[in-house]
């Protein structure tokens, strides 16, 4: 990573931003009035010892080279509406774009067959053309979108096939459910959704055996990657220890990853990794723009991705308000990146003024002295010295 210090420091701020629970978060947070995101984030941060988004971005920057592939898996079918929710696929598409633009690698997005067409549309809206593997590999601005089976044994075999064929240098899960200690997949309310969940856990266990870095992005404690905070999930999430389904073992999961990114929405975690990658590589364009954001959210709405709280096809995963909160959060991230990185890009940019003057001390002191005399003189017309 070109500028690890900048990525670290920006990650410190962005982690705080995305872990603020300013509305219902993931997991079982809807069942309690207590904020749980910050508690779970603190547990993950204590384990990691550094900003979570920074660590994930650094892992990608340090391990992925031009021409490599990176696998992203996402998709959570939300009962009782039984279609994928917007949280996860949105960030999967924008993060795929960041991997292409920033690392010159080919992103491979894996999801349930039921979300396959929607996922292709989201990637296209992000600026990447879905293409067959033989055409996409090594070609800029392309993405490979693949379905993954629901059956456990088929999933195990498909994981072997995909890793053998594509040899990814990183695997990322965004809002992707993992199994608990009894092998059951739950949504945040504790409902068993194993039958409609692609068994991508096999990708992560196999990746660990092969030494491939893995990243899990979650918001509730029932996702791939949050096994590192399972104790906190059982303690603080209402369904963490007791799910209410026949398995009786809660939603806390067992599928681990090397890096965990945790926030109030999984989409925000994906955006945060983009931002830290943009800062660490000193390339602001890696973090998607407002125009890209709106195209991707609109595509999600057109393909019926739902808000799991209402079941309405907003394309995003937040309570309906005048502004899309996801866009507002990403706008703050873009500002944070710009004020630090743009001056490095353009030495004569207006944002670099204070740093430029700091390097011209004699000139700056003369300017301050001259203006001090002017300001003091101007004040005398209002407050003349008493005789």
Foldseek 3Di string as FASTA:
>chain_A
DQALPQLQVLLVVLLVVQQDQPDQFFAQSVVDPDRQSVVLSVLQCVVVVTRQLSVVLVLCVVQAAALAEEEEEEFDQFPPLRGTALFFLLLLLLLQLLCCVQHNFEYEYEYAPRCQVLSQQLNVLLQAHEDPPVPRRNDGRHYHYYYADLDQVSNLVVLVVVCVVRVHQEYEYFHAFAAAPVGFTATSLLDTPSNRHGHNLSNQVVCVVVVRAYEYFGEHQRTAANLSSLVSNCVPRPQSQASPDVVRGGRHHHRHGPGYRYGRTSSSSSLSSQLSNCQSSLHLVSRPDLSSSVSSQVSQLVSQRAQSVPSHRSSHPDDDDPDDVVSVSSVVSSVSSCLPRVCVVPVPDPSNVVVVCVVVPVVVVVVVVVVVVVVVVVCCVVVPDDD
